[in-house]
C-alpha atoms as a PDB file:
ATOM      1  CA  UNK A   1     -54.811 -42.166  11.677  1.00  0.00           C
ATOM      2  CA  UNK A   2     -56.217 -43.771   8.530  1.00  0.00           C
ATOM      3  CA  UNK A   3     -55.048 -47.062   7.034  1.00  0.00           C
ATOM      4  CA  UNK A   4     -53.010 -46.462   3.918  1.00  0.00           C
ATOM      5  CA  UNK A   5     -53.277 -48.119   0.540  1.00  0.00           C
ATOM      6  CA  UNK A   6     -50.490 -49.625  -1.583  1.00  0.00           C
ATOM      7  CA  UNK A   7     -48.319 -51.668   0.731  1.00  0.00           C
ATOM      8  CA  UNK A   8     -47.377 -55.290   1.312  1.00  0.00           C
ATOM      9  CA  UNK A   9     -46.190 -57.138   4.387  1.00  0.00           C
ATOM     10  CA  UNK A  10     -42.638 -58.422   4.140  1.00  0.00           C
ATOM     11  CA  UNK A  11     -43.193 -60.377   7.357  1.00  0.00           C
ATOM     12  CA  UNK A  12     -45.184 -60.029  10.579  1.00  0.00           C
ATOM     13  CA  UNK A  13     -43.567 -56.740  11.540  1.00  0.00           C
ATOM     14  CA  UNK A  14     -42.032 -55.241   8.380  1.00  0.00           C
ATOM     15  CA  UNK A  15     -43.914 -53.434   5.585  1.00  0.00           C
ATOM     16  CA  UNK A  16     -42.986 -52.308   2.089  1.00  0.00           C
ATOM     17  CA  UNK A  17     -44.795 -49.174   0.928  1.00  0.00           C
ATOM     18  CA  UNK A  18     -45.663 -49.207  -2.780  1.00  0.00           C
ATOM     19  CA  UNK A  19     -47.079 -45.697  -3.161  1.00  0.00           C
ATOM     20  CA  UNK A  20     -43.978 -44.058  -4.616  1.00  0.00           C
ATOM     21  CA  UNK A  21     -40.697 -45.194  -6.225  1.00  0.00           C
ATOM     22  CA  UNK A  22     -38.827 -45.079  -2.909  1.00  0.00           C
ATOM     23  CA  UNK A  23     -40.606 -48.339  -2.007  1.00  0.00           C
ATOM     24  CA  UNK A  24     -39.677 -47.820   1.627  1.00  0.00           C
ATOM     25  CA  UNK A  25     -39.081 -50.840   3.852  1.00  0.00           C
ATOM     26  CA  UNK A  26     -40.686 -49.804   7.150  1.00  0.00           C
ATOM     27  CA  UNK A  27     -40.184 -51.585  10.452  1.00  0.00           C
ATOM     28  CA  UNK A  28     -42.622 -51.514  13.356  1.00  0.00           C
ATOM     29  CA  UNK A  29     -43.053 -47.953  14.667  1.00  0.00           C
ATOM     30  CA  UNK A  30     -40.981 -46.442  11.864  1.00  0.00           C
ATOM     31  CA  UNK A  31     -41.914 -44.050   9.053  1.00  0.00           C
ATOM     32  CA  UNK A  32     -41.292 -43.957   5.329  1.00  0.00           C
ATOM     33  CA  UNK A  33     -39.233 -41.169   3.748  1.00  0.00           C
ATOM     34  CA  UNK A  34     -42.368 -39.018   3.564  1.00  0.00           C
ATOM     35  CA  UNK A  35     -42.465 -38.946   7.405  1.00  0.00           C
ATOM     36  CA  UNK A  36     -46.248 -39.370   7.436  1.00  0.00           C
ATOM     37  CA  UNK A  37     -46.819 -43.055   6.565  1.00  0.00           C
ATOM     38  CA  UNK A  38     -46.088 -45.236   9.575  1.00  0.00           C
ATOM     39  CA  UNK A  39     -46.018 -48.941  10.466  1.00  0.00           C
ATOM     40  CA  UNK A  40     -48.333 -49.642  13.388  1.00  0.00           C
ATOM     41  CA  UNK A  41     -48.574 -53.278  14.426  1.00  0.00           C
ATOM     42  CA  UNK A  42     -47.833 -54.520  10.939  1.00  0.00           C
ATOM     43  CA  UNK A  43     -50.240 -52.209   9.068  1.00  0.00           C
ATOM     44  CA  UNK A  44     -49.452 -48.976   7.241  1.00  0.00           C
ATOM     45  CA  UNK A  45     -51.228 -45.804   8.321  1.00  0.00           C
ATOM     46  CA  UNK A  46     -51.436 -42.272   6.955  1.00  0.00           C
ATOM     47  CA  UNK A  47     -50.894 -39.815   9.815  1.00  0.00           C
ATOM     48  CA  UNK A  48     -51.897 -36.762   7.780  1.00  0.00           C
ATOM     49  CA  UNK A  49     -55.346 -37.983   6.677  1.00  0.00           C
ATOM     50  CA  UNK A  50     -57.750 -35.072   7.108  1.00  0.00           C
ATOM     51  CA  UNK A  51     -55.212 -32.910   8.954  1.00  0.00           C
ATOM     52  CA  UNK A  52     -55.467 -29.686   6.985  1.00  0.00           C
ATOM     53  CA  UNK A  53     -52.576 -27.265   7.358  1.00  0.00           C
ATOM     54  CA  UNK A  54     -53.519 -24.966   4.480  1.00  0.00           C
ATOM     55  CA  UNK A  55     -56.940 -24.067   3.064  1.00  0.00           C
ATOM     56  CA  UNK A  56     -57.601 -21.048   0.849  1.00  0.00           C
ATOM     57  CA  UNK A  57     -59.539 -19.913  -2.185  1.00  0.00           C
ATOM     58  CA  UNK A  58     -56.944 -18.882  -4.790  1.00  0.00           C
ATOM     59  CA  UNK A  59     -56.915 -17.763  -8.400  1.00  0.00           C
ATOM     60  CA  UNK A  60     -56.345 -20.929 -10.414  1.00  0.00           C
ATOM     61  CA  UNK A  61     -53.432 -19.131 -12.121  1.00  0.00           C
ATOM     62  CA  UNK A  62     -51.566 -19.170  -8.791  1.00  0.00           C
ATOM     63  CA  UNK A  63     -51.021 -22.959  -8.962  1.00  0.00           C
ATOM     64  CA  UNK A  64     -49.803 -22.159 -11.683  1.00  0.00           C
ATOM     65  CA  UNK A  65     -52.455 -23.369 -14.129  1.00  0.00           C
ATOM     66  CA  UNK A  66     -52.939 -21.015 -17.082  1.00  0.00           C
ATOM     67  CA  UNK A  67     -54.960 -23.295 -19.359  1.00  0.00           C
ATOM     68  CA  UNK A  68     -57.356 -24.704 -16.761  1.00  0.00           C
ATOM     69  CA  UNK A  69     -60.510 -22.655 -16.033  1.00  0.00           C
ATOM     70  CA  UNK A  70     -58.725 -19.307 -16.574  1.00  0.00           C
ATOM     71  CA  UNK A  71     -59.994 -16.507 -14.375  1.00  0.00           C
ATOM     72  CA  UNK A  72     -61.750 -18.859 -11.943  1.00  0.00           C
ATOM     73  CA  UNK A  73     -61.093 -19.371  -8.251  1.00  0.00           C
ATOM     74  CA  UNK A  74     -60.081 -22.780  -6.905  1.00  0.00           C
ATOM     75  CA  UNK A  75     -60.154 -24.188  -3.386  1.00  0.00           C
ATOM     76  CA  UNK A  76     -56.551 -24.974  -2.413  1.00  0.00           C
ATOM     77  CA  UNK A  77     -55.874 -27.562   0.265  1.00  0.00           C
ATOM     78  CA  UNK A  78     -52.727 -29.026   1.785  1.00  0.00           C
ATOM     79  CA  UNK A  79     -51.624 -31.131   4.741  1.00  0.00           C
ATOM     80  CA  UNK A  80     -47.959 -31.827   5.560  1.00  0.00           C
ATOM     81  CA  UNK A  81     -45.157 -34.151   4.513  1.00  0.00           C
ATOM     82  CA  UNK A  82     -43.387 -34.913   1.232  1.00  0.00           C
ATOM     83  CA  UNK A  83     -41.570 -37.808  -0.395  1.00  0.00           C
ATOM     84  CA  UNK A  84     -38.797 -35.515  -1.670  1.00  0.00           C
ATOM     85  CA  UNK A  85     -36.211 -33.525   0.261  1.00  0.00           C
ATOM     86  CA  UNK A  86     -35.596 -30.508  -1.974  1.00  0.00           C
ATOM     87  CA  UNK A  87     -32.945 -28.172  -0.566  1.00  0.00           C
ATOM     88  CA  UNK A  88     -34.743 -25.270  -2.306  1.00  0.00           C
ATOM     89  CA  UNK A  89     -38.327 -26.060  -1.221  1.00  0.00           C
ATOM     90  CA  UNK A  90     -40.600 -23.014  -1.272  1.00  0.00           C
ATOM     91  CA  UNK A  91     -43.149 -24.602   1.114  1.00  0.00           C
ATOM     92  CA  UNK A  92     -40.722 -26.379   3.448  1.00  0.00           C
ATOM     93  CA  UNK A  93     -42.689 -25.345   6.560  1.00  0.00           C
ATOM     94  CA  UNK A  94     -45.445 -27.693   5.350  1.00  0.00           C
ATOM     95  CA  UNK A  95     -43.657 -30.231   3.179  1.00  0.00           C
ATOM     96  CA  UNK A  96     -40.951 -30.977   5.732  1.00  0.00           C
ATOM     97  CA  UNK A  97     -43.211 -30.738   8.766  1.00  0.00           C
ATOM     98  CA  UNK A  98     -44.006 -34.080  10.394  1.00  0.00           C
ATOM     99  CA  UNK A  99     -43.323 -35.792  13.692  1.00  0.00           C
ATOM    100  CA  UNK A 100     -39.999 -33.950  14.110  1.00  0.00           C
ATOM    101  CA  UNK A 101     -41.433 -30.482  13.487  1.00  0.00           C
ATOM    102  CA  UNK A 102     -45.208 -30.487  13.948  1.00  0.00           C
ATOM    103  CA  UNK A 103     -47.332 -27.919  12.163  1.00  0.00           C
ATOM    104  CA  UNK A 104     -50.693 -26.506  13.187  1.00  0.00           C
ATOM    105  CA  UNK A 105     -53.529 -28.416  11.522  1.00  0.00           C
ATOM    106  CA  UNK A 106     -57.190 -29.236  11.990  1.00  0.00           C
ATOM    107  CA  UNK A 107     -59.304 -32.183  10.949  1.00  0.00           C
ATOM    108  CA  UNK A 108     -61.766 -31.508   8.123  1.00  0.00           C
ATOM    109  CA  UNK A 109     -63.730 -34.350   6.553  1.00  0.00           C
ATOM    110  CA  UNK A 110     -63.777 -34.846   2.774  1.00  0.00           C
ATOM    111  CA  UNK A 111     -67.489 -34.032   2.690  1.00  0.00           C
ATOM    112  CA  UNK A 112     -66.948 -30.758   4.553  1.00  0.00           C
ATOM    113  CA  UNK A 113     -64.167 -29.732   2.145  1.00  0.00           C
ATOM    114  CA  UNK A 114     -66.508 -30.268  -0.805  1.00  0.00           C
ATOM    115  CA  UNK A 115     -69.418 -28.477   0.879  1.00  0.00           C
ATOM    116  CA  UNK A 116     -67.207 -25.463   1.636  1.00  0.00           C
ATOM    117  CA  UNK A 117     -66.009 -25.370  -1.974  1.00  0.00           C
ATOM    118  CA  UNK A 118     -69.574 -25.356  -3.263  1.00  0.00           C
ATOM    119  CA  UNK A 119     -70.336 -22.178  -1.286  1.00  0.00           C
ATOM    120  CA  UNK A 120     -67.804 -20.097  -3.236  1.00  0.00           C
ATOM    121  CA  UNK A 121     -69.146 -18.313  -6.284  1.00  0.00           C
ATOM    122  CA  UNK A 122     -66.870 -18.566  -9.319  1.00  0.00           C
ATOM    123  CA  UNK A 123     -64.963 -21.551  -7.918  1.00  0.00           C
ATOM    124  CA  UNK A 124     -64.257 -24.325 -10.429  1.00  0.00           C
ATOM    125  CA  UNK A 125     -63.164 -26.988  -7.970  1.00  0.00           C
ATOM    126  CA  UNK A 126     -60.379 -28.150  -5.669  1.00  0.00           C
ATOM    127  CA  UNK A 127     -56.591 -28.025  -5.971  1.00  0.00           C
ATOM    128  CA  UNK A 128     -54.480 -30.487  -3.984  1.00  0.00           C
ATOM    129  CA  UNK A 129     -51.340 -28.475  -3.358  1.00  0.00           C
ATOM    130  CA  UNK A 130     -48.986 -26.721  -0.878  1.00  0.00           C
ATOM    131  CA  UNK A 131     -47.269 -29.952   0.170  1.00  0.00           C
ATOM    132  CA  UNK A 132     -46.997 -33.143  -1.902  1.00  0.00           C
ATOM    133  CA  UNK A 133     -50.567 -34.478  -2.451  1.00  0.00           C
ATOM    134  CA  UNK A 134     -49.424 -38.002  -3.231  1.00  0.00           C
ATOM    135  CA  UNK A 135     -48.344 -38.513   0.407  1.00  0.00           C
ATOM    136  CA  UNK A 136     -51.934 -37.872   1.484  1.00  0.00           C
ATOM    137  CA  UNK A 137     -53.241 -40.019  -1.333  1.00  0.00           C
ATOM    138  CA  UNK A 138     -56.174 -41.524   0.600  1.00  0.00           C
ATOM    139  CA  UNK A 139     -57.505 -38.175   1.803  1.00  0.00           C
ATOM    140  CA  UNK A 140     -57.051 -36.601  -1.629  1.00  0.00           C
ATOM    141  CA  UNK A 141     -58.913 -39.386  -3.415  1.00  0.00           C
ATOM    142  CA  UNK A 142     -61.758 -39.375  -0.902  1.00  0.00           C
ATOM    143  CA  UNK A 143     -62.232 -35.636  -1.458  1.00  0.00           C
ATOM    144  CA  UNK A 144     -61.810 -35.857  -5.232  1.00  0.00           C
ATOM    145  CA  UNK A 145     -64.392 -38.617  -5.675  1.00  0.00           C
ATOM    146  CA  UNK A 146     -67.011 -36.615  -3.787  1.00  0.00           C
ATOM    147  CA  UNK A 147     -66.071 -33.413  -5.600  1.00  0.00           C
ATOM    148  CA  UNK A 148     -66.395 -35.143  -8.963  1.00  0.00           C
ATOM    149  CA  UNK A 149     -69.877 -36.361  -8.059  1.00  0.00           C
ATOM    150  CA  UNK A 150     -70.848 -32.765  -7.229  1.00  0.00           C
ATOM    151  CA  UNK A 151     -69.635 -31.426 -10.581  1.00  0.00           C
ATOM    152  CA  UNK A 152     -66.406 -29.864  -9.309  1.00  0.00           C
ATOM    153  CA  UNK A 153     -63.064 -30.096 -11.084  1.00  0.00           C
ATOM    154  CA  UNK A 154     -59.984 -31.604  -9.412  1.00  0.00           C
ATOM    155  CA  UNK A 155     -56.412 -30.402  -9.974  1.00  0.00           C
ATOM    156  CA  UNK A 156     -53.207 -31.857  -8.532  1.00  0.00           C
ATOM    157  CA  UNK A 157     -50.028 -29.820  -8.055  1.00  0.00           C
ATOM    158  CA  UNK A 158     -47.291 -32.394  -7.552  1.00  0.00           C
ATOM    159  CA  UNK A 159     -43.671 -33.441  -7.900  1.00  0.00           C
ATOM    160  CA  UNK A 160     -44.867 -36.410  -9.965  1.00  0.00           C
ATOM    161  CA  UNK A 161     -43.014 -38.987  -7.842  1.00  0.00           C
ATOM    162  CA  UNK A 162     -45.562 -41.793  -7.709  1.00  0.00           C
ATOM    163  CA  UNK A 163     -45.766 -45.421  -8.821  1.00  0.00           C
ATOM    164  CA  UNK A 164     -47.850 -46.385 -11.883  1.00  0.00           C
ATOM    165  CA  UNK A 165     -50.669 -48.248 -10.100  1.00  0.00           C
ATOM    166  CA  UNK A 166     -51.699 -45.491  -7.673  1.00  0.00           C
ATOM    167  CA  UNK A 167     -51.392 -42.945 -10.494  1.00  0.00           C
ATOM    168  CA  UNK A 168     -53.636 -45.018 -12.763  1.00  0.00           C
ATOM    169  CA  UNK A 169     -56.357 -45.062 -10.103  1.00  0.00           C
ATOM    170  CA  UNK A 170     -56.338 -41.268 -10.006  1.00  0.00           C
ATOM    171  CA  UNK A 171     -56.842 -40.660 -13.688  1.00  0.00           C
ATOM    172  CA  UNK A 172     -60.628 -41.074 -13.638  1.00  0.00           C
ATOM    173  CA  UNK A 173     -61.112 -38.395 -10.981  1.00  0.00           C
ATOM    174  CA  UNK A 174     -58.382 -35.795 -11.638  1.00  0.00           C
ATOM    175  CA  UNK A 175     -59.018 -33.240 -14.386  1.00  0.00           C
ATOM    176  CA  UNK A 176     -55.701 -31.417 -14.451  1.00  0.00           C
ATOM    177  CA  UNK A 177     -52.121 -31.611 -13.203  1.00  0.00           C
ATOM    178  CA  UNK A 178     -49.250 -29.229 -12.707  1.00  0.00           C
ATOM    179  CA  UNK A 179     -46.119 -31.338 -12.375  1.00  0.00           C
ATOM    180  CA  UNK A 180     -42.882 -29.834 -11.096  1.00  0.00           C
ATOM    181  CA  UNK A 181     -40.148 -31.062 -13.426  1.00  0.00           C
ATOM    182  CA  UNK A 182     -37.236 -29.907 -11.312  1.00  0.00           C
ATOM    183  CA  UNK A 183     -34.474 -30.538 -13.841  1.00  0.00           C
ATOM    184  CA  UNK A 184     -33.713 -32.755 -16.790  1.00  0.00           C
ATOM    185  CA  UNK A 185     -30.878 -34.387 -14.889  1.00  0.00           C
ATOM    186  CA  UNK A 186     -30.906 -37.503 -12.740  1.00  0.00           C
ATOM    187  CA  UNK A 187     -27.802 -36.224 -10.964  1.00  0.00           C
ATOM    188  CA  UNK A 188     -29.692 -33.058  -9.947  1.00  0.00           C
ATOM    189  CA  UNK A 189     -32.600 -35.138  -8.627  1.00  0.00           C
ATOM    190  CA  UNK A 190     -30.362 -37.438  -6.591  1.00  0.00           C
ATOM    191  CA  UNK A 191     -28.255 -34.668  -5.055  1.00  0.00           C
ATOM    192  CA  UNK A 192     -30.886 -32.003  -4.376  1.00  0.00           C
ATOM    193  CA  UNK A 193     -34.181 -33.879  -3.963  1.00  0.00           C
ATOM    194  CA  UNK A 194     -33.298 -37.387  -2.796  1.00  0.00           C
ATOM    195  CA  UNK A 195     -35.232 -38.874  -5.719  1.00  0.00           C
ATOM    196  CA  UNK A 196     -34.682 -39.808  -9.377  1.00  0.00           C
ATOM    197  CA  UNK A 197     -35.810 -38.360 -12.693  1.00  0.00           C
ATOM    198  CA  UNK A 198     -37.195 -41.337 -14.623  1.00  0.00           C
ATOM    199  CA  UNK A 199     -40.327 -41.934 -12.476  1.00  0.00           C
ATOM    200  CA  UNK A 200     -41.315 -38.282 -12.970  1.00  0.00           C
ATOM    201  CA  UNK A 201     -40.962 -38.658 -16.740  1.00  0.00           C
ATOM    202  CA  UNK A 202     -43.098 -41.809 -16.576  1.00  0.00           C
ATOM    203  CA  UNK A 203     -45.788 -39.926 -14.643  1.00  0.00           C
ATOM    204  CA  UNK A 204     -45.818 -37.140 -17.226  1.00  0.00           C
ATOM    205  CA  UNK A 205     -46.067 -39.566 -20.147  1.00  0.00           C
ATOM    206  CA  UNK A 206     -48.892 -41.486 -18.455  1.00  0.00           C
ATOM    207  CA  UNK A 207     -50.958 -38.347 -17.860  1.00  0.00           C
ATOM    208  CA  UNK A 208     -50.426 -37.254 -21.461  1.00  0.00           C
ATOM    209  CA  UNK A 209     -51.312 -40.722 -22.779  1.00  0.00           C
ATOM    210  CA  UNK A 210     -54.722 -40.493 -21.134  1.00  0.00           C
ATOM    211  CA  UNK A 211     -55.248 -36.995 -22.552  1.00  0.00           C
ATOM    212  CA  UNK A 212     -55.601 -35.359 -19.147  1.00  0.00           C
ATOM    213  CA  UNK A 213     -54.677 -31.699 -18.918  1.00  0.00           C
ATOM    214  CA  UNK A 214     -51.099 -31.140 -17.820  1.00  0.00           C
ATOM    215  CA  UNK A 215     -48.857 -28.133 -17.240  1.00  0.00           C
ATOM    216  CA  UNK A 216     -45.211 -28.184 -16.178  1.00  0.00           C
ATOM    217  CA  UNK A 217     -43.323 -25.964 -13.742  1.00  0.00           C
ATOM    218  CA  UNK A 218     -39.522 -25.664 -13.890  1.00  0.00           C
ATOM    219  CA  UNK A 219     -37.714 -23.626 -11.219  1.00  0.00           C
ATOM    220  CA  UNK A 220     -34.429 -22.336 -12.644  1.00  0.00           C
ATOM    221  CA  UNK A 221     -31.552 -22.339 -10.119  1.00  0.00           C
ATOM    222  CA  UNK A 222     -28.257 -20.709 -11.174  1.00  0.00           C
ATOM    223  CA  UNK A 223     -25.455 -23.196 -11.688  1.00  0.00           C
ATOM    224  CA  UNK A 224     -27.634 -26.222 -10.946  1.00  0.00           C
ATOM    225  CA  UNK A 225     -30.258 -26.624 -13.673  1.00  0.00           C
ATOM    226  CA  UNK A 226     -29.831 -23.587 -15.929  1.00  0.00           C
ATOM    227  CA  UNK A 227     -27.520 -25.186 -18.490  1.00  0.00           C
ATOM    228  CA  UNK A 228     -28.924 -24.145 -21.904  1.00  0.00           C
ATOM    229  CA  UNK A 229     -28.171 -27.508 -23.526  1.00  0.00           C
ATOM    230  CA  UNK A 230     -29.898 -29.459 -20.766  1.00  0.00           C
ATOM    231  CA  UNK A 231     -32.870 -27.098 -20.858  1.00  0.00           C
ATOM    232  CA  UNK A 232     -33.166 -27.432 -24.634  1.00  0.00           C
ATOM    233  CA  UNK A 233     -33.088 -31.209 -24.302  1.00  0.00           C
ATOM    234  CA  UNK A 234     -35.929 -30.956 -21.763  1.00  0.00           C
ATOM    235  CA  UNK A 235     -38.103 -28.845 -24.063  1.00  0.00           C
ATOM    236  CA  UNK A 236     -37.471 -31.248 -26.943  1.00  0.00           C
ATOM    237  CA  UNK A 237     -38.585 -34.123 -24.717  1.00  0.00           C
ATOM    238  CA  UNK A 238     -41.729 -32.257 -23.615  1.00  0.00           C
ATOM    239  CA  UNK A 239     -42.657 -31.451 -27.213  1.00  0.00           C
ATOM    240  CA  UNK A 240     -42.017 -34.993 -28.426  1.00  0.00           C
ATOM    241  CA  UNK A 241     -43.513 -36.983 -25.553  1.00  0.00           C
ATOM    242  CA  UNK A 242     -46.248 -34.699 -24.210  1.00  0.00           C
ATOM    243  CA  UNK A 243     -47.084 -32.406 -27.121  1.00  0.00           C
ATOM    244  CA  UNK A 244     -46.164 -28.929 -28.303  1.00  0.00           C
ATOM    245  CA  UNK A 245     -49.267 -27.441 -26.639  1.00  0.00           C
ATOM    246  CA  UNK A 246     -48.061 -28.460 -23.146  1.00  0.00           C
ATOM    247  CA  UNK A 247     -47.783 -25.214 -21.119  1.00  0.00           C
ATOM    248  CA  UNK A 248     -44.378 -24.695 -19.504  1.00  0.00           C
ATOM    249  CA  UNK A 249     -43.898 -22.307 -16.574  1.00  0.00           C
ATOM    250  CA  UNK A 250     -40.266 -21.207 -16.194  1.00  0.00           C
ATOM    251  CA  UNK A 251     -39.954 -19.893 -12.637  1.00  0.00           C
ATOM    252  CA  UNK A 252     -37.293 -17.664 -11.146  1.00  0.00           C
ATOM    253  CA  UNK A 253     -35.526 -19.018  -8.053  1.00  0.00           C
ATOM    254  CA  UNK A 254     -34.983 -17.021  -4.862  1.00  0.00           C
ATOM    255  CA  UNK A 255     -32.918 -18.257  -1.895  1.00  0.00           C
ATOM    256  CA  UNK A 256     -35.049 -20.475   0.330  1.00  0.00           C
ATOM    257  CA  UNK A 257     -34.794 -23.238   2.922  1.00  0.00           C
ATOM    258  CA  UNK A 258     -31.307 -24.840   2.756  1.00  0.00           C
ATOM    259  CA  UNK A 259     -30.149 -23.244  -0.497  1.00  0.00           C
ATOM    260  CA  UNK A 260     -28.569 -19.790  -0.456  1.00  0.00           C
ATOM    261  CA  UNK A 261     -27.467 -19.398  -4.077  1.00  0.00           C
ATOM    262  CA  UNK A 262     -28.120 -15.930  -5.524  1.00  0.00           C
ATOM    263  CA  UNK A 263     -31.480 -15.427  -7.217  1.00  0.00           C
ATOM    264  CA  UNK A 264     -31.814 -16.277 -10.880  1.00  0.00           C
ATOM    265  CA  UNK A 265     -30.959 -13.393 -13.232  1.00  0.00           C
ATOM    266  CA  UNK A 266     -33.958 -12.253 -15.233  1.00  0.00           C
ATOM    267  CA  UNK A 267     -31.823 -12.456 -18.373  1.00  0.00           C
ATOM    268  CA  UNK A 268     -31.427 -16.211 -17.814  1.00  0.00           C
ATOM    269  CA  UNK A 269     -35.183 -16.694 -17.565  1.00  0.00           C
ATOM    270  CA  UNK A 270     -35.822 -14.739 -20.754  1.00  0.00           C
ATOM    271  CA  UNK A 271     -33.136 -16.596 -22.730  1.00  0.00           C
ATOM    272  CA  UNK A 272     -34.541 -19.951 -21.649  1.00  0.00           C
ATOM    273  CA  UNK A 273     -38.035 -18.792 -22.561  1.00  0.00           C
ATOM    274  CA  UNK A 274     -36.870 -18.005 -26.077  1.00  0.00           C
ATOM    275  CA  UNK A 275     -35.289 -21.461 -26.293  1.00  0.00           C
ATOM    276  CA  UNK A 276     -38.519 -23.112 -25.142  1.00  0.00           C
ATOM    277  CA  UNK A 277     -40.614 -21.181 -27.655  1.00  0.00           C
ATOM    278  CA  UNK A 278     -38.686 -22.857 -30.463  1.00  0.00           C
ATOM    279  CA  UNK A 279     -40.379 -26.141 -29.484  1.00  0.00           C
ATOM    280  CA  UNK A 280     -43.453 -25.258 -27.391  1.00  0.00           C
ATOM    281  CA  UNK A 281     -46.463 -23.072 -28.107  1.00  0.00           C
ATOM    282  CA  UNK A 282     -47.164 -21.904 -24.541  1.00  0.00           C
ATOM    283  CA  UNK A 283     -44.282 -20.722 -22.363  1.00  0.00           C
ATOM    284  CA  UNK A 284     -44.691 -18.485 -19.313  1.00  0.00           C
ATOM    285  CA  UNK A 285     -42.324 -16.858 -16.819  1.00  0.00           C
ATOM    286  CA  UNK A 286     -43.018 -16.925 -13.078  1.00  0.00           C
ATOM    287  CA  UNK A 287     -41.692 -15.062 -10.036  1.00  0.00           C
ATOM    288  CA  UNK A 288     -40.771 -12.017 -12.104  1.00  0.00           C
ATOM    289  CA  UNK A 289     -42.498  -8.737 -12.831  1.00  0.00           C
ATOM    290  CA  UNK A 290     -45.000  -8.714 -15.652  1.00  0.00           C
ATOM    291  CA  UNK A 291     -42.874  -5.942 -17.126  1.00  0.00           C
ATOM    292  CA  UNK A 292     -40.317  -8.602 -18.005  1.00  0.00           C
ATOM    293  CA  UNK A 293     -42.279 -11.827 -18.435  1.00  0.00           C
ATOM    294  CA  UNK A 294     -44.810 -12.725 -21.046  1.00  0.00           C
ATOM    295  CA  UNK A 295     -47.948 -13.984 -19.320  1.00  0.00           C
ATOM    296  CA  UNK A 296     -50.519 -13.564 -22.093  1.00  0.00           C
ATOM    297  CA  UNK A 297     -51.675 -16.570 -24.100  1.00  0.00           C
ATOM    298  CA  UNK A 298     -51.196 -16.298 -27.851  1.00  0.00           C
ATOM    299  CA  UNK A 299     -53.189 -18.599 -30.111  1.00  0.00           C
ATOM    300  CA  UNK A 300     -50.798 -20.828 -32.109  1.00  0.00           C
ATOM    301  CA  UNK A 301     -53.300 -20.922 -34.958  1.00  0.00           C
ATOM    302  CA  UNK A 302     -53.939 -17.261 -35.717  1.00  0.00           C
ATOM    303  CA  UNK A 303     -51.400 -15.542 -33.398  1.00  0.00           C
ATOM    304  CA  UNK A 304     -54.061 -13.430 -31.678  1.00  0.00           C
ATOM    305  CA  UNK A 305     -53.975 -12.781 -27.927  1.00  0.00           C
ATOM    306  CA  UNK A 306     -56.749 -14.936 -26.489  1.00  0.00           C
ATOM    307  CA  UNK A 307     -56.004 -14.534 -22.775  1.00  0.00           C
ATOM    308  CA  UNK A 308     -54.473 -11.394 -21.289  1.00  0.00           C
ATOM    309  CA  UNK A 309     -53.103 -11.415 -17.747  1.00  0.00           C
ATOM    310  CA  UNK A 310     -51.972  -8.700 -15.372  1.00  0.00           C
ATOM    311  CA  UNK A 311     -51.003 -10.397 -12.131  1.00  0.00           C
ATOM    312  CA  UNK A 312     -54.080 -12.443 -11.272  1.00  0.00           C
ATOM    313  CA  UNK A 313     -56.412 -10.229 -13.285  1.00  0.00           C
ATOM    314  CA  UNK A 314     -57.382 -12.355 -16.256  1.00  0.00           C
ATOM    315  CA  UNK A 315     -59.364 -11.570 -19.389  1.00  0.00           C
ATOM    316  CA  UNK A 316     -60.236 -14.577 -21.534  1.00  0.00           C
ATOM    317  CA  UNK A 317     -62.666 -12.691 -23.751  1.00  0.00           C
ATOM    318  CA  UNK A 318     -61.343 -14.231 -26.973  1.00  0.00           C
ATOM    319  CA  UNK A 319     -62.265 -17.787 -25.990  1.00  0.00           C
ATOM    320  CA  UNK A 320     -65.597 -19.457 -26.619  1.00  0.00           C
ATOM    321  CA  UNK A 321     -67.459 -21.560 -24.049  1.00  0.00           C
ATOM    322  CA  UNK A 322     -65.528 -24.672 -25.138  1.00  0.00           C
ATOM    323  CA  UNK A 323     -62.137 -23.042 -24.516  1.00  0.00           C
ATOM    324  CA  UNK A 324     -61.362 -22.495 -28.194  1.00  0.00           C
ATOM    325  CA  UNK A 325     -60.058 -19.394 -29.974  1.00  0.00           C
ATOM    326  CA  UNK A 326     -63.024 -17.417 -31.267  1.00  0.00           C
ATOM    327  CA  UNK A 327     -61.073 -16.411 -34.359  1.00  0.00           C
ATOM    328  CA  UNK A 328     -59.768 -19.778 -35.626  1.00  0.00           C
ATOM    329  CA  UNK A 329     -61.309 -22.409 -33.278  1.00  0.00           C
ATOM    330  CA  UNK A 330     -57.906 -23.626 -31.974  1.00  0.00           C
ATOM    331  CA  UNK A 331     -58.373 -25.496 -28.662  1.00  0.00           C
ATOM    332  CA  UNK A 332     -56.636 -23.471 -25.935  1.00  0.00           C
ATOM    333  CA  UNK A 333     -57.923 -24.304 -22.447  1.00  0.00           C
ATOM    334  CA  UNK A 334     -59.956 -26.626 -20.250  1.00  0.00           C
ATOM    335  CA  UNK A 335     -63.038 -24.797 -19.054  1.00  0.00           C
END
């Protein structure tokens, strides 16, 4: 175990965790809602520090990140635990694994993670992903600081449910985020995730304020978050608060974990994509065949295709070394 950051002692035996908006009150021997931060003798400890449950080199597009080192590989790492309880979780075997349902893991030091990453040709850096990275905040930051010193990029794939102070401390070492904006409805968040919407919006606005690369994923679930008016309101908010160049990934839902609603019709995904394109320059469709979804990147300046994609085969031949369109110099990607 590793002592956690961001907590205060309510008294000799009770702790309040300040990492995320749940602000869990944790008695001796008990855990927070993430099931990995535990009160031991009046101090808070992270039980998943260094306990790696997933480690792979992936295409960076798989995160999904389409405007962050396109065509590169990225080292993907995850542990276990999450501060949300999404009924539709795609990685529930890791995110919901903790003391009640242990998952196979092995200890790997931050230095060893970075050294392994440096051995891979064509690898831009490290992605903190699979389960919620914010619940292994200490391990993530220890890796990211070392990676940054070695010239590697850091990317976080997250639900965005974190308090302002811990987020602020990350912004000097994280180069890109993909935040899962699950719905533009507080009622949806409360009923299906056990969280609330406003802290996620605050996280998104903070990242944008500091001009750090951000992409958004939105999983569309029939009857729950596919209302066209709500979706349009979300895209208006993204355009107004984060910028019209913010990439949005509209992903098709398939039955998973506790939710057994029928899969999202492709027609729904395509209609919502057309709605999003009225406000946003970069909109992509996930979990559907490339025959249906548009995955290429079109330059907003000159309307030329600057990145073509077929699955994870990527050609970014129309971008210069600074990530700008070679035809009109419009800034497209981080590279």
